[in-house]
Amino acid sequence: MDKTTMPEPVAYQDDDGSCWELTSHPELMTPLITTTQAEAYAAAKVREALEEAIAAVETCRTTGTIRHGTVSDCIEAIRALFPSTPARPESER
């Protein structure tokens, strides 16, 4: 499965709050996406995470590491997918 990528920006915002549809220096500005793009991106990331969780449980099931499919073993397989450091919004970096 392909990794979900951020949508292409529809505009850019500079330090004084001005928005530009095109810019020759996007690395110096904040990229902006639409609400629709953000919602689609979030839904795709959730689906990606759920697919990874399913794959982890399937791996445990097929390798025999889940003892008779106990719920706690499935939970642990999914928790193993959690990043060690949660993602932070860009504004907090």
Protein backbone atom coordinates (compact mmCIF):
# COMPACT_ATOMS: atom_id res chain seq x y z
CA MET A 1 0.00 0.00 0.00
CA ASP A 2 1.29 3.45 -0.88
CA LYS A 3 1.90 5.93 1.91
CA THR A 4 -0.56 8.82 2.01
CA THR A 5 1.04 12.11 0.98
CA MET A 6 0.01 15.64 1.83
CA PRO A 7 -2.15 17.30 -0.83
CA GLU A 8 -0.64 19.97 -3.05
CA PRO A 9 -1.16 23.46 -1.62
CA VAL A 10 -3.75 25.67 -3.29
CA ALA A 11 -2.08 28.84 -1.99
CA TYR A 12 0.71 30.09 0.25
CA GLN A 13 0.73 32.52 3.17
CA ASP A 14 3.65 34.75 3.99
CA ASP A 15 4.71 36.12 7.39
CA ASP A 16 2.47 39.18 7.19
CA GLY A 17 -0.62 37.04 6.49
CA SER A 18 -0.88 37.77 2.77
CA CYS A 19 -1.99 34.83 0.64
CA TRP A 20 -0.61 34.01 -2.78
CA GLU A 21 -1.91 31.49 -5.28
CA LEU A 22 1.55 31.07 -6.83
CA THR A 23 4.97 31.79 -5.46
CA SER A 24 8.51 31.42 -6.66
CA HIS A 25 9.68 30.70 -3.09
CA PRO A 26 7.23 28.20 -1.53
CA GLU A 27 9.87 27.09 0.98
CA LEU A 28 9.66 30.55 2.60
CA MET A 29 5.88 30.47 3.00
CA THR A 30 3.25 28.39 4.75
CA PRO A 31 1.44 26.07 2.32
CA LEU A 32 -2.36 26.19 2.54
CA ILE A 33 -4.81 23.42 1.63
CA THR A 34 -8.61 23.46 1.52
CA THR A 35 -10.85 21.96 4.18
CA THR A 36 -11.94 19.33 1.65
CA GLN A 37 -8.29 18.40 1.00
CA ALA A 38 -7.59 18.24 4.75
CA GLU A 39 -10.60 16.01 5.41
CA ALA A 40 -9.67 13.67 2.54
CA TYR A 41 -6.07 13.52 3.79
CA ALA A 42 -7.20 12.75 7.35
CA ALA A 43 -9.56 10.01 6.15
CA ALA A 44 -6.77 8.48 4.04
CA LYS A 45 -4.36 8.53 7.01
CA VAL A 46 -6.95 6.82 9.24
CA ARG A 47 -7.55 4.18 6.58
CA GLU A 48 -3.79 3.67 6.24
CA ALA A 49 -3.45 3.20 10.02
CA LEU A 50 -6.36 0.75 10.11
CA GLU A 51 -4.86 -1.23 7.21
CA GLU A 52 -1.57 -1.43 9.13
CA ALA A 53 -3.45 -2.62 12.22
CA ILE A 54 -5.22 -5.30 10.21
CA ALA A 55 -1.90 -6.42 8.73
CA ALA A 56 -0.33 -6.63 12.20
CA VAL A 57 -3.17 -8.76 13.52
CA GLU A 58 -3.10 -10.95 10.41
CA THR A 59 0.65 -11.45 10.85
CA CYS A 60 0.15 -12.49 14.46
CA ARG A 61 -2.65 -14.83 13.47
CA THR A 62 -0.74 -16.52 10.67
CA THR A 63 2.51 -16.84 12.62
CA GLY A 64 0.75 -18.29 15.63
CA THR A 65 1.79 -15.54 18.03
CA ILE A 66 -1.86 -14.85 18.88
CA ARG A 67 -3.02 -17.49 21.29
CA HIS A 68 -6.41 -18.54 19.95
CA GLY A 69 -7.10 -14.98 18.79
CA THR A 70 -7.32 -13.37 22.21
CA VAL A 71 -8.35 -9.75 22.24
CA SER A 72 -5.39 -8.69 24.38
CA ASP A 73 -2.94 -10.12 21.83
CA CYS A 74 -4.70 -8.23 19.04
CA ILE A 75 -4.55 -5.04 21.09
CA GLU A 76 -0.83 -5.48 21.68
CA ALA A 77 -0.23 -6.08 17.96
CA ILE A 78 -2.00 -2.80 17.17
CA ARG A 79 -0.24 -0.88 19.97
CA ALA A 80 3.10 -1.98 18.56
CA LEU A 81 2.28 0.22 15.54
CA PHE A 82 2.06 3.41 17.62
CA PRO A 83 4.92 5.82 16.97
CA SER A 84 7.19 6.32 19.96
CA THR A 85 6.73 10.08 19.65
CA PRO A 86 3.25 11.30 18.73
CA ALA A 87 3.06 13.68 15.79
CA ARG A 88 2.80 17.33 16.71
CA PRO A 89 1.11 20.05 14.69
CA GLU A 90 3.61 22.07 12.66
CA SER A 91 2.73 25.18 14.67
CA GLU A 92 4.13 23.51 17.80
CA ARG A 93 7.47 22.50 16.22
